[in-house]
């Protein structure tokens, strides 16, 4: 199973009119043929699907990519990591129906990272 590196960077918004290339997330996960997160493949390799939040050169938090219903979440392994946490200590990434409408980040998808056995 091939895993890819997906980099999400802070896009333009009222607080950052030019965006911020130095803030964002790095996700390692399987992608399908349309470069979307692949739920079926994720189920087989979920322990290898990680997320790292960064701000400049500093890693702020790390954890796992999780999926519930039609939502993807970041689940941080320490209580004080992340921001906007839900009751399970996760941060919602995106609802699958709105996959292509994320306005708060820019995405660099599909960089191969590693192959893992399912």
PDB file of N, CA and C in Angstrom:
ATOM      1  N   UNK A   1       0.855  -1.177   0.000  1.00  0.00           N
ATOM      2  CA  UNK A   1       0.000   0.000   0.000  1.00  0.00           C
ATOM      3  C   UNK A   1       0.895   1.232   0.000  1.00  0.00           C
ATOM      4  N   UNK A   2       0.709   2.109  -0.950  1.00  0.00           N
ATOM      5  CA  UNK A   2       1.501   3.336  -1.019  1.00  0.00           C
ATOM      6  C   UNK A   2       0.844   4.433  -0.188  1.00  0.00           C
ATOM      7  N   UNK A   3       1.651   5.075   0.652  1.00  0.00           N
ATOM      8  CA  UNK A   3       1.190   6.228   1.414  1.00  0.00           C
ATOM      9  C   UNK A   3       1.752   7.480   0.770  1.00  0.00           C
ATOM     10  N   UNK A   4       0.994   8.554   0.849  1.00  0.00           N
ATOM     11  CA  UNK A   4       1.410   9.839   0.285  1.00  0.00           C
ATOM     12  C   UNK A   4       1.505  10.884   1.373  1.00  0.00           C
ATOM     13  N   UNK A   5       2.302  11.892   1.119  1.00  0.00           N
ATOM     14  CA  UNK A   5       2.398  13.038   2.023  1.00  0.00           C
ATOM     15  C   UNK A   5       1.544  14.162   1.461  1.00  0.00           C
ATOM     16  N   UNK A   6       0.638  14.669   2.282  1.00  0.00           N
ATOM     17  CA  UNK A   6      -0.235  15.778   1.899  1.00  0.00           C
ATOM     18  C   UNK A   6       0.119  16.949   2.816  1.00  0.00           C
ATOM     19  N   UNK A   7       0.451  18.085   2.239  1.00  0.00           N
ATOM     20  CA  UNK A   7       0.807  19.259   3.031  1.00  0.00           C
ATOM     21  C   UNK A   7      -0.303  20.296   2.868  1.00  0.00           C
ATOM     22  N   UNK A   8      -0.912  20.678   3.979  1.00  0.00           N
ATOM     23  CA  UNK A   8      -1.928  21.724   3.997  1.00  0.00           C
ATOM     24  C   UNK A   8      -1.300  22.959   4.613  1.00  0.00           C
ATOM     25  N   UNK A   9      -1.347  24.076   3.904  1.00  0.00           N
ATOM     26  CA  UNK A   9      -0.757  25.326   4.393  1.00  0.00           C
ATOM     27  C   UNK A   9      -1.864  26.363   4.570  1.00  0.00           C
ATOM     28  N   UNK A  10      -1.698  27.217   5.568  1.00  0.00           N
ATOM     29  CA  UNK A  10      -2.693  28.244   5.862  1.00  0.00           C
ATOM     30  C   UNK A  10      -2.851  29.181   4.665  1.00  0.00           C
ATOM     31  N   UNK A  11      -4.067  29.272   4.149  1.00  0.00           N
ATOM     32  CA  UNK A  11      -4.369  30.143   3.005  1.00  0.00           C
ATOM     33  C   UNK A  11      -4.814  31.519   3.502  1.00  0.00           C
ATOM     34  N   UNK A  12      -5.098  32.384   2.564  1.00  0.00           N
ATOM     35  CA  UNK A  12      -5.539  33.741   2.918  1.00  0.00           C
ATOM     36  C   UNK A  12      -6.819  33.688   3.738  1.00  0.00           C
ATOM     37  N   UNK A  13      -6.880  34.560   4.741  1.00  0.00           N
ATOM     38  CA  UNK A  13      -8.068  34.710   5.569  1.00  0.00           C
ATOM     39  C   UNK A  13      -7.958  36.073   6.251  1.00  0.00           C
ATOM     40  N   UNK A  14      -8.998  36.536   6.957  1.00  0.00           N
ATOM     41  CA  UNK A  14      -8.936  37.880   7.544  1.00  0.00           C
ATOM     42  C   UNK A  14      -7.719  38.111   8.445  1.00  0.00           C
ATOM     43  N   UNK A  15      -7.299  37.113   9.189  1.00  0.00           N
ATOM     44  CA  UNK A  15      -6.146  37.274  10.068  1.00  0.00           C
ATOM     45  C   UNK A  15      -4.810  37.177   9.352  1.00  0.00           C
ATOM     46  N   UNK A  16      -4.814  36.561   8.175  1.00  0.00           N
ATOM     47  CA  UNK A  16      -3.603  36.370   7.373  1.00  0.00           C
ATOM     48  C   UNK A  16      -3.939  36.679   5.915  1.00  0.00           C
ATOM     49  N   UNK A  17      -3.996  37.955   5.538  1.00  0.00           N
ATOM     50  CA  UNK A  17      -4.430  38.323   4.187  1.00  0.00           C
ATOM     51  C   UNK A  17      -3.569  37.713   3.074  1.00  0.00           C
ATOM     52  N   UNK A  18      -2.339  37.360   3.368  1.00  0.00           N
ATOM     53  CA  UNK A  18      -1.462  36.721   2.380  1.00  0.00           C
ATOM     54  C   UNK A  18      -1.318  35.226   2.644  1.00  0.00           C
ATOM     55  N   UNK A  19      -2.037  34.693   3.630  1.00  0.00           N
ATOM     56  CA  UNK A  19      -1.853  33.311   4.032  1.00  0.00           C
ATOM     57  C   UNK A  19      -0.573  33.201   4.842  1.00  0.00           C
ATOM     58  N   UNK A  20      -0.182  31.992   5.177  1.00  0.00           N
ATOM     59  CA  UNK A  20       1.078  31.781   5.894  1.00  0.00           C
ATOM     60  C   UNK A  20       1.635  30.427   5.498  1.00  0.00           C
ATOM     61  N   UNK A  21       2.648  30.463   4.653  1.00  0.00           N
ATOM     62  CA  UNK A  21       3.290  29.254   4.135  1.00  0.00           C
ATOM     63  C   UNK A  21       3.937  28.434   5.254  1.00  0.00           C
ATOM     64  N   UNK A  22       4.216  29.066   6.386  1.00  0.00           N
ATOM     65  CA  UNK A  22       4.915  28.398   7.482  1.00  0.00           C
ATOM     66  C   UNK A  22       3.994  27.770   8.522  1.00  0.00           C
ATOM     67  N   UNK A  23       2.674  27.835   8.311  1.00  0.00           N
ATOM     68  CA  UNK A  23       1.729  27.206   9.232  1.00  0.00           C
ATOM     69  C   UNK A  23       0.901  26.187   8.481  1.00  0.00           C
ATOM     70  N   UNK A  24       0.704  25.037   9.088  1.00  0.00           N
ATOM     71  CA  UNK A  24      -0.135  24.044   8.444  1.00  0.00           C
ATOM     72  C   UNK A  24       0.000  22.659   9.040  1.00  0.00           C
ATOM     73  N   UNK A  25      -0.307  21.679   8.197  1.00  0.00           N
ATOM     74  CA  UNK A  25      -0.319  20.274   8.603  1.00  0.00           C
ATOM     75  C   UNK A  25       0.364  19.433   7.535  1.00  0.00           C
ATOM     76  N   UNK A  26       1.008  18.363   7.976  1.00  0.00           N
ATOM     77  CA  UNK A  26       1.536  17.349   7.068  1.00  0.00           C
ATOM     78  C   UNK A  26       0.822  16.052   7.425  1.00  0.00           C
ATOM     79  N   UNK A  27       0.132  15.482   6.447  1.00  0.00           N
ATOM     80  CA  UNK A  27      -0.631  14.256   6.641  1.00  0.00           C
ATOM     81  C   UNK A  27       0.021  13.154   5.813  1.00  0.00           C
ATOM     82  N   UNK A  28       0.157  11.973   6.390  1.00  0.00           N
ATOM     83  CA  UNK A  28       0.615  10.800   5.653  1.00  0.00           C
ATOM     84  C   UNK A  28      -0.570   9.841   5.596  1.00  0.00           C
ATOM     85  N   UNK A  29      -1.019   9.536   4.365  1.00  0.00           N
ATOM     86  CA  UNK A  29      -2.230   8.727   4.199  1.00  0.00           C
ATOM     87  C   UNK A  29      -2.293   8.182   2.776  1.00  0.00           C
ATOM     88  N   UNK A  30      -3.119   7.148   2.551  1.00  0.00           N
ATOM     89  CA  UNK A  30      -3.319   6.654   1.181  1.00  0.00           C
ATOM     90  C   UNK A  30      -4.300   7.547   0.425  1.00  0.00           C
ATOM     91  N   UNK A  31      -4.040   7.731  -0.861  1.00  0.00           N
ATOM     92  CA  UNK A  31      -4.931   8.489  -1.733  1.00  0.00           C
ATOM     93  C   UNK A  31      -5.500   7.568  -2.797  1.00  0.00           C
ATOM     94  N   UNK A  32      -6.728   7.852  -3.237  1.00  0.00           N
ATOM     95  CA  UNK A  32      -7.324   7.067  -4.311  1.00  0.00           C
ATOM     96  C   UNK A  32      -6.893   7.638  -5.668  1.00  0.00           C
ATOM     97  N   UNK A  33      -7.457   7.118  -6.746  1.00  0.00           N
ATOM     98  CA  UNK A  33      -7.061   7.545  -8.098  1.00  0.00           C
ATOM     99  C   UNK A  33      -7.427   8.993  -8.404  1.00  0.00           C
ATOM    100  N   UNK A  34      -8.322   9.592  -7.601  1.00  0.00           N
ATOM    101  CA  UNK A  34      -8.698  10.995  -7.777  1.00  0.00           C
ATOM    102  C   UNK A  34      -7.988  11.904  -6.774  1.00  0.00           C
ATOM    103  N   UNK A  35      -6.939  11.389  -6.144  1.00  0.00           N
ATOM    104  CA  UNK A  35      -6.150  12.127  -5.142  1.00  0.00           C
ATOM    105  C   UNK A  35      -6.970  12.526  -3.921  1.00  0.00           C
ATOM    106  N   UNK A  36      -7.972  11.729  -3.587  1.00  0.00           N
ATOM    107  CA  UNK A  36      -8.762  11.927  -2.368  1.00  0.00           C
ATOM    108  C   UNK A  36      -8.282  10.939  -1.313  1.00  0.00           C
ATOM    109  N   UNK A  37      -8.479  11.298  -0.045  1.00  0.00           N
ATOM    110  CA  UNK A  37      -8.174  10.355   1.018  1.00  0.00           C
ATOM    111  C   UNK A  37      -8.981   9.086   0.781  1.00  0.00           C
ATOM    112  N   UNK A  38      -8.336   7.942   0.862  1.00  0.00           N
ATOM    113  CA  UNK A  38      -8.948   6.651   0.537  1.00  0.00           C
ATOM    114  C   UNK A  38      -9.351   5.933   1.822  1.00  0.00           C
ATOM    115  N   UNK A  39     -10.653   5.936   2.136  1.00  0.00           N
ATOM    116  CA  UNK A  39     -11.166   5.353   3.376  1.00  0.00           C
ATOM    117  C   UNK A  39     -10.878   3.859   3.450  1.00  0.00           C
ATOM    118  N   UNK A  40     -11.148   3.131   2.367  1.00  0.00           N
ATOM    119  CA  UNK A  40     -10.954   1.679   2.380  1.00  0.00           C
ATOM    120  C   UNK A  40      -9.485   1.328   2.615  1.00  0.00           C
ATOM    121  N   UNK A  41      -8.591   2.006   1.940  1.00  0.00           N
ATOM    122  CA  UNK A  41      -7.158   1.747   2.120  1.00  0.00           C
ATOM    123  C   UNK A  41      -6.701   2.188   3.513  1.00  0.00           C
ATOM    124  N   UNK A  42      -7.241   3.303   4.007  1.00  0.00           N
ATOM    125  CA  UNK A  42      -6.889   3.794   5.335  1.00  0.00           C
ATOM    126  C   UNK A  42      -7.186   2.747   6.401  1.00  0.00           C
ATOM    127  N   UNK A  43      -8.313   2.047   6.275  1.00  0.00           N
ATOM    128  CA  UNK A  43      -8.688   1.032   7.270  1.00  0.00           C
ATOM    129  C   UNK A  43      -7.605  -0.028   7.428  1.00  0.00           C
ATOM    130  N   UNK A  44      -6.910  -0.349   6.340  1.00  0.00           N
ATOM    131  CA  UNK A  44      -5.878  -1.382   6.385  1.00  0.00           C
ATOM    132  C   UNK A  44      -4.550  -0.897   6.946  1.00  0.00           C
ATOM    133  N   UNK A  45      -4.309   0.420   6.908  1.00  0.00           N
ATOM    134  CA  UNK A  45      -2.993   0.946   7.319  1.00  0.00           C
ATOM    135  C   UNK A  45      -3.110   2.120   8.291  1.00  0.00           C
ATOM    136  N   UNK A  46      -4.222   2.224   9.005  1.00  0.00           N
ATOM    137  CA  UNK A  46      -4.471   3.428   9.804  1.00  0.00           C
ATOM    138  C   UNK A  46      -3.401   3.713  10.853  1.00  0.00           C
ATOM    139  N   UNK A  47      -2.720   2.705  11.350  1.00  0.00           N
ATOM    140  CA  UNK A  47      -1.668   2.972  12.343  1.00  0.00           C
ATOM    141  C   UNK A  47      -0.472   3.697  11.729  1.00  0.00           C
ATOM    142  N   UNK A  48      -0.379   3.716  10.398  1.00  0.00           N
ATOM    143  CA  UNK A  48       0.703   4.416   9.691  1.00  0.00           C
ATOM    144  C   UNK A  48       0.282   5.809   9.207  1.00  0.00           C
ATOM    145  N   UNK A  49      -0.990   6.161   9.384  1.00  0.00           N
ATOM    146  CA  UNK A  49      -1.524   7.427   8.862  1.00  0.00           C
ATOM    147  C   UNK A  49      -1.414   8.500   9.935  1.00  0.00           C
ATOM    148  N   UNK A  50      -0.448   9.376   9.755  1.00  0.00           N
ATOM    149  CA  UNK A  50      -0.118  10.345  10.788  1.00  0.00           C
ATOM    150  C   UNK A  50      -0.443  11.769  10.355  1.00  0.00           C
ATOM    151  N   UNK A  51      -0.458  12.653  11.339  1.00  0.00           N
ATOM    152  CA  UNK A  51      -0.631  14.084  11.097  1.00  0.00           C
ATOM    153  C   UNK A  51       0.366  14.824  11.980  1.00  0.00           C
ATOM    154  N   UNK A  52       0.935  15.878  11.421  1.00  0.00           N
ATOM    155  CA  UNK A  52       1.862  16.728  12.167  1.00  0.00           C
ATOM    156  C   UNK A  52       1.470  18.173  11.906  1.00  0.00           C
ATOM    157  N   UNK A  53       1.208  18.926  12.963  1.00  0.00           N
ATOM    158  CA  UNK A  53       0.888  20.348  12.829  1.00  0.00           C
ATOM    159  C   UNK A  53       2.179  21.138  13.020  1.00  0.00           C
ATOM    160  N   UNK A  54       2.426  22.101  12.133  1.00  0.00           N
ATOM    161  CA  UNK A  54       3.663  22.874  12.222  1.00  0.00           C
ATOM    162  C   UNK A  54       3.397  24.365  12.178  1.00  0.00           C
ATOM    163  N   UNK A  55       4.339  25.097  12.727  1.00  0.00           N
ATOM    164  CA  UNK A  55       4.328  26.555  12.707  1.00  0.00           C
ATOM    165  C   UNK A  55       5.783  26.990  12.583  1.00  0.00           C
ATOM    166  N   UNK A  56       6.184  27.348  11.385  1.00  0.00           N
ATOM    167  CA  UNK A  56       7.584  27.650  11.128  1.00  0.00           C
ATOM    168  C   UNK A  56       8.391  26.372  11.188  1.00  0.00           C
ATOM    169  N   UNK A  57       9.503  26.420  11.837  1.00  0.00           N
ATOM    170  CA  UNK A  57      10.367  25.247  11.963  1.00  0.00           C
ATOM    171  C   UNK A  57       9.930  24.335  13.102  1.00  0.00           C
ATOM    172  N   UNK A  58       8.978  24.768  13.903  1.00  0.00           N
ATOM    173  CA  UNK A  58       8.582  24.041  15.100  1.00  0.00           C
ATOM    174  C   UNK A  58       7.354  23.166  14.843  1.00  0.00           C
ATOM    175  N   UNK A  59       7.452  21.882  15.230  1.00  0.00           N
ATOM    176  CA  UNK A  59       6.285  21.009  15.221  1.00  0.00           C
ATOM    177  C   UNK A  59       5.493  21.294  16.488  1.00  0.00           C
ATOM    178  N   UNK A  60       4.216  21.642  16.304  1.00  0.00           N
ATOM    179  CA  UNK A  60       3.375  21.995  17.445  1.00  0.00           C
ATOM    180  C   UNK A  60       2.725  20.750  18.039  1.00  0.00           C
ATOM    181  N   UNK A  61       2.290  19.839  17.191  1.00  0.00           N
ATOM    182  CA  UNK A  61       1.618  18.646  17.680  1.00  0.00           C
ATOM    183  C   UNK A  61       1.671  17.550  16.634  1.00  0.00           C
ATOM    184  N   UNK A  62       1.425  16.326  17.100  1.00  0.00           N
ATOM    185  CA  UNK A  62       1.396  15.188  16.189  1.00  0.00           C
ATOM    186  C   UNK A  62       0.360  14.194  16.676  1.00  0.00           C
ATOM    187  N   UNK A  63      -0.091  13.357  15.760  1.00  0.00           N
ATOM    188  CA  UNK A  63      -1.098  12.371  16.115  1.00  0.00           C
ATOM    189  C   UNK A  63      -1.431  11.504  14.928  1.00  0.00           C
ATOM    190  N   UNK A  64      -2.660  10.985  14.919  1.00  0.00           N
ATOM    191  CA  UNK A  64      -3.110  10.067  13.874  1.00  0.00           C
ATOM    192  C   UNK A  64      -4.279  10.653  13.099  1.00  0.00           C
ATOM    193  N   UNK A  65      -4.376  10.263  11.838  1.00  0.00           N
ATOM    194  CA  UNK A  65      -5.529  10.599  11.013  1.00  0.00           C
ATOM    195  C   UNK A  65      -6.602   9.550  11.290  1.00  0.00           C
ATOM    196  N   UNK A  66      -7.807   9.989  11.641  1.00  0.00           N
ATOM    197  CA  UNK A  66      -8.901   9.058  11.925  1.00  0.00           C
ATOM    198  C   UNK A  66     -10.111   9.429  11.073  1.00  0.00           C
ATOM    199  N   UNK A  67     -11.053   8.498  11.019  1.00  0.00           N
ATOM    200  CA  UNK A  67     -12.250   8.685  10.200  1.00  0.00           C
ATOM    201  C   UNK A  67     -13.451   8.171  10.970  1.00  0.00           C
ATOM    202  N   UNK A  68     -14.537   8.965  10.946  1.00  0.00           N
ATOM    203  CA  UNK A  68     -15.795   8.595  11.594  1.00  0.00           C
ATOM    204  C   UNK A  68     -16.932   9.070  10.731  1.00  0.00           C
ATOM    205  N   UNK A  69     -17.818   8.172  10.336  1.00  0.00           N
ATOM    206  CA  UNK A  69     -18.937   8.556   9.475  1.00  0.00           C
ATOM    207  C   UNK A  69     -18.407   9.061   8.150  1.00  0.00           C
ATOM    208  N   UNK A  70     -18.686  10.312   7.813  1.00  0.00           N
ATOM    209  CA  UNK A  70     -18.160  10.896   6.577  1.00  0.00           C
ATOM    210  C   UNK A  70     -17.173  12.021   6.888  1.00  0.00           C
ATOM    211  N   UNK A  71     -16.575  11.985   8.079  1.00  0.00           N
ATOM    212  CA  UNK A  71     -15.640  13.028   8.515  1.00  0.00           C
ATOM    213  C   UNK A  71     -14.256  12.444   8.784  1.00  0.00           C
ATOM    214  N   UNK A  72     -13.242  13.209   8.442  1.00  0.00           N
ATOM    215  CA  UNK A  72     -11.858  12.900   8.786  1.00  0.00           C
ATOM    216  C   UNK A  72     -11.485  13.765   9.983  1.00  0.00           C
ATOM    217  N   UNK A  73     -10.691  13.200  10.888  1.00  0.00           N
ATOM    218  CA  UNK A  73     -10.265  13.908  12.084  1.00  0.00           C
ATOM    219  C   UNK A  73      -8.774  13.725  12.312  1.00  0.00           C
ATOM    220  N   UNK A  74      -8.189  14.686  13.013  1.00  0.00           N
ATOM    221  CA  UNK A  74      -6.850  14.537  13.544  1.00  0.00           C
ATOM    222  C   UNK A  74      -7.034  14.161  15.008  1.00  0.00           C
ATOM    223  N   UNK A  75      -6.454  13.060  15.430  1.00  0.00           N
ATOM    224  CA  UNK A  75      -6.523  12.674  16.838  1.00  0.00           C
ATOM    225  C   UNK A  75      -5.128  12.823  17.430  1.00  0.00           C
ATOM    226  N   UNK A  76      -4.970  13.813  18.291  1.00  0.00           N
ATOM    227  CA  UNK A  76      -3.683  14.072  18.912  1.00  0.00           C
ATOM    228  C   UNK A  76      -3.515  13.180  20.124  1.00  0.00           C
ATOM    229  N   UNK A  77      -2.290  12.752  20.352  1.00  0.00           N
ATOM    230  CA  UNK A  77      -2.037  11.787  21.412  1.00  0.00           C
ATOM    231  C   UNK A  77      -1.826  12.418  22.789  1.00  0.00           C
ATOM    232  N   UNK A  78      -1.781  13.739  22.851  1.00  0.00           N
ATOM    233  CA  UNK A  78      -1.645  14.410  24.134  1.00  0.00           C
ATOM    234  C   UNK A  78      -2.761  15.440  24.273  1.00  0.00           C
ATOM    235  N   UNK A  79      -3.280  15.573  25.479  1.00  0.00           N
ATOM    236  CA  UNK A  79      -4.452  16.417  25.728  1.00  0.00           C
ATOM    237  C   UNK A  79      -4.257  17.875  25.322  1.00  0.00           C
ATOM    238  N   UNK A  80      -3.049  18.406  25.485  1.00  0.00           N
ATOM    239  CA  UNK A  80      -2.830  19.828  25.215  1.00  0.00           C
ATOM    240  C   UNK A  80      -2.421  20.114  23.772  1.00  0.00           C
ATOM    241  N   UNK A  81      -2.390  19.104  22.913  1.00  0.00           N
ATOM    242  CA  UNK A  81      -2.017  19.314  21.523  1.00  0.00           C
ATOM    243  C   UNK A  81      -3.231  19.726  20.703  1.00  0.00           C
ATOM    244  N   UNK A  82      -2.961  20.346  19.566  1.00  0.00           N
ATOM    245  CA  UNK A  82      -4.035  20.736  18.658  1.00  0.00           C
ATOM    246  C   UNK A  82      -4.776  21.947  19.178  1.00  0.00           C
ATOM    247  N   UNK A  83      -5.848  22.296  18.454  1.00  0.00           N
ATOM    248  CA  UNK A  83      -6.719  23.397  18.860  1.00  0.00           C
ATOM    249  C   UNK A  83      -8.095  23.086  18.322  1.00  0.00           C
ATOM    250  N   UNK A  84      -9.112  23.582  18.972  1.00  0.00           N
ATOM    251  CA  UNK A  84     -10.478  23.329  18.530  1.00  0.00           C
ATOM    252  C   UNK A  84     -10.875  21.882  18.690  1.00  0.00           C
ATOM    253  N   UNK A  85     -10.359  21.234  19.726  1.00  0.00           N
ATOM    254  CA  UNK A  85     -10.575  19.796  19.893  1.00  0.00           C
ATOM    255  C   UNK A  85     -12.029  19.458  20.147  1.00  0.00           C
ATOM    256  N   UNK A  86     -12.463  18.312  19.625  1.00  0.00           N
ATOM    257  CA  UNK A  86     -13.798  17.806  19.929  1.00  0.00           C
ATOM    258  C   UNK A  86     -13.707  16.951  21.189  1.00  0.00           C
ATOM    259  N   UNK A  87     -14.784  16.300  21.577  1.00  0.00           N
ATOM    260  CA  UNK A  87     -14.818  15.569  22.832  1.00  0.00           C
ATOM    261  C   UNK A  87     -13.891  14.360  22.842  1.00  0.00           C
ATOM    262  N   UNK A  88     -13.453  13.875  21.692  1.00  0.00           N
ATOM    263  CA  UNK A  88     -12.542  12.747  21.632  1.00  0.00           C
ATOM    264  C   UNK A  88     -11.093  13.184  21.459  1.00  0.00           C
ATOM    265  N   UNK A  89     -10.806  14.461  21.619  1.00  0.00           N
ATOM    266  CA  UNK A  89      -9.449  14.943  21.481  1.00  0.00           C
ATOM    267  C   UNK A  89      -9.008  15.095  20.041  1.00  0.00           C
ATOM    268  N   UNK A  90      -9.950  15.138  19.105  1.00  0.00           N
ATOM    269  CA  UNK A  90      -9.600  15.260  17.701  1.00  0.00           C
ATOM    270  C   UNK A  90      -9.987  16.610  17.140  1.00  0.00           C
ATOM    271  N   UNK A  91      -9.452  16.933  15.987  1.00  0.00           N
ATOM    272  CA  UNK A  91      -9.804  18.152  15.278  1.00  0.00           C
ATOM    273  C   UNK A  91     -10.374  17.734  13.938  1.00  0.00           C
ATOM    274  N   UNK A  92     -11.562  18.224  13.590  1.00  0.00           N
ATOM    275  CA  UNK A  92     -12.166  17.841  12.318  1.00  0.00           C
ATOM    276  C   UNK A  92     -11.373  18.431  11.169  1.00  0.00           C
ATOM    277  N   UNK A  93     -11.007  17.571  10.241  1.00  0.00           N
ATOM    278  CA  UNK A  93     -10.281  18.007   9.052  1.00  0.00           C
ATOM    279  C   UNK A  93     -11.247  18.478   7.997  1.00  0.00           C
ATOM    280  N   UNK A  94     -12.139  17.602   7.564  1.00  0.00           N
ATOM    281  CA  UNK A  94     -13.031  17.981   6.475  1.00  0.00           C
ATOM    282  C   UNK A  94     -14.147  16.943   6.347  1.00  0.00           C
ATOM    283  N   UNK A  95     -15.294  17.391   5.931  1.00  0.00           N
ATOM    284  CA  UNK A  95     -16.420  16.507   5.645  1.00  0.00           C
ATOM    285  C   UNK A  95     -16.278  16.074   4.198  1.00  0.00           C
ATOM    286  N   UNK A  96     -16.455  14.795   3.911  1.00  0.00           N
ATOM    287  CA  UNK A  96     -16.215  14.276   2.569  1.00  0.00           C
ATOM    288  C   UNK A  96     -17.034  14.967   1.485  1.00  0.00           C
ATOM    289  N   UNK A  97     -18.241  15.419   1.796  1.00  0.00           N
ATOM    290  CA  UNK A  97     -19.066  16.090   0.787  1.00  0.00           C
ATOM    291  C   UNK A  97     -18.472  17.423   0.354  1.00  0.00           C
ATOM    292  N   UNK A  98     -17.632  18.013   1.186  1.00  0.00           N
ATOM    293  CA  UNK A  98     -17.057  19.332   0.906  1.00  0.00           C
ATOM    294  C   UNK A  98     -15.555  19.245   0.660  1.00  0.00           C
ATOM    295  N   UNK A  99     -15.098  18.101   0.219  1.00  0.00           N
ATOM    296  CA  UNK A  99     -13.667  17.827   0.092  1.00  0.00           C
ATOM    297  C   UNK A  99     -12.931  18.884  -0.713  1.00  0.00           C
ATOM    298  N   UNK A 100     -13.509  19.380  -1.787  1.00  0.00           N
ATOM    299  CA  UNK A 100     -12.819  20.328  -2.651  1.00  0.00           C
ATOM    300  C   UNK A 100     -13.125  21.785  -2.324  1.00  0.00           C
ATOM    301  N   UNK A 101     -13.797  22.058  -1.200  1.00  0.00           N
ATOM    302  CA  UNK A 101     -14.184  23.435  -0.914  1.00  0.00           C
ATOM    303  C   UNK A 101     -13.477  24.007   0.310  1.00  0.00           C
ATOM    304  N   UNK A 102     -12.383  23.406   0.736  1.00  0.00           N
ATOM    305  CA  UNK A 102     -11.661  23.937   1.901  1.00  0.00           C
ATOM    306  C   UNK A 102     -11.026  25.265   1.528  1.00  0.00           C
ATOM    307  N   UNK A 103     -11.529  26.343   2.119  1.00  0.00           N
ATOM    308  CA  UNK A 103     -11.041  27.685   1.793  1.00  0.00           C
ATOM    309  C   UNK A 103      -9.955  28.167   2.741  1.00  0.00           C
ATOM    310  N   UNK A 104      -9.685  27.405   3.806  1.00  0.00           N
ATOM    311  CA  UNK A 104      -8.739  27.897   4.798  1.00  0.00           C
ATOM    312  C   UNK A 104      -7.349  27.298   4.656  1.00  0.00           C
ATOM    313  N   UNK A 105      -7.085  26.585   3.574  1.00  0.00           N
ATOM    314  CA  UNK A 105      -5.756  26.033   3.387  1.00  0.00           C
ATOM    315  C   UNK A 105      -5.477  25.825   1.906  1.00  0.00           C
ATOM    316  N   UNK A 106      -4.200  25.711   1.585  1.00  0.00           N
ATOM    317  CA  UNK A 106      -3.786  25.292   0.258  1.00  0.00           C
ATOM    318  C   UNK A 106      -3.187  23.905   0.412  1.00  0.00           C
ATOM    319  N   UNK A 107      -3.216  23.115  -0.619  1.00  0.00           N
ATOM    320  CA  UNK A 107      -2.841  21.713  -0.499  1.00  0.00           C
ATOM    321  C   UNK A 107      -1.805  21.328  -1.535  1.00  0.00           C
ATOM    322  N   UNK A 108      -0.794  20.590  -1.095  1.00  0.00           N
ATOM    323  CA  UNK A 108       0.180  19.962  -1.978  1.00  0.00           C
ATOM    324  C   UNK A 108       0.006  18.465  -1.776  1.00  0.00           C
ATOM    325  N   UNK A 109      -0.619  17.788  -2.725  1.00  0.00           N
ATOM    326  CA  UNK A 109      -0.987  16.386  -2.520  1.00  0.00           C
ATOM    327  C   UNK A 109      -0.124  15.426  -3.315  1.00  0.00           C
ATOM    328  N   UNK A 110      -0.075  14.219  -2.800  1.00  0.00           N
ATOM    329  CA  UNK A 110       0.399  13.095  -3.569  1.00  0.00           C
ATOM    330  C   UNK A 110       1.884  12.819  -3.579  1.00  0.00           C
ATOM    331  N   UNK A 111       2.671  13.472  -2.738  1.00  0.00           N
ATOM    332  CA  UNK A 111       4.077  13.159  -2.713  1.00  0.00           C
ATOM    333  C   UNK A 111       4.250  11.779  -2.086  1.00  0.00           C
ATOM    334  N   UNK A 112       4.836  10.801  -2.820  1.00  0.00           N
ATOM    335  CA  UNK A 112       4.967   9.459  -2.243  1.00  0.00           C
ATOM    336  C   UNK A 112       5.864   9.474  -1.010  1.00  0.00           C
ATOM    337  N   UNK A 113       5.459   8.740  -0.002  1.00  0.00           N
ATOM    338  CA  UNK A 113       6.218   8.700   1.236  1.00  0.00           C
ATOM    339  C   UNK A 113       6.816   7.317   1.456  1.00  0.00           C
ATOM    340  N   UNK A 114       5.963   6.312   1.495  1.00  0.00           N
ATOM    341  CA  UNK A 114       6.428   4.969   1.784  1.00  0.00           C
ATOM    342  C   UNK A 114       5.397   3.947   1.345  1.00  0.00           C
ATOM    343  N   UNK A 115       5.834   2.718   1.285  1.00  0.00           N
ATOM    344  CA  UNK A 115       4.934   1.597   1.025  1.00  0.00           C
ATOM    345  C   UNK A 115       4.833   0.812   2.323  1.00  0.00           C
ATOM    346  N   UNK A 116       3.624   0.438   2.711  1.00  0.00           N
ATOM    347  CA  UNK A 116       3.423  -0.379   3.918  1.00  0.00           C
ATOM    348  C   UNK A 116       2.580  -1.577   3.540  1.00  0.00           C
ATOM    349  N   UNK A 117       2.741  -2.636   4.304  1.00  0.00           N
ATOM    350  CA  UNK A 117       1.934  -3.831   4.047  1.00  0.00           C
ATOM    351  C   UNK A 117       0.616  -3.704   4.767  1.00  0.00           C
ATOM    352  N   UNK A 118      -0.465  -4.018   4.073  1.00  0.00           N
ATOM    353  CA  UNK A 118      -1.798  -3.928   4.662  1.00  0.00           C
ATOM    354  C   UNK A 118      -2.117  -5.183   5.423  1.00  0.00           C
TER     355      UNK A 118
END
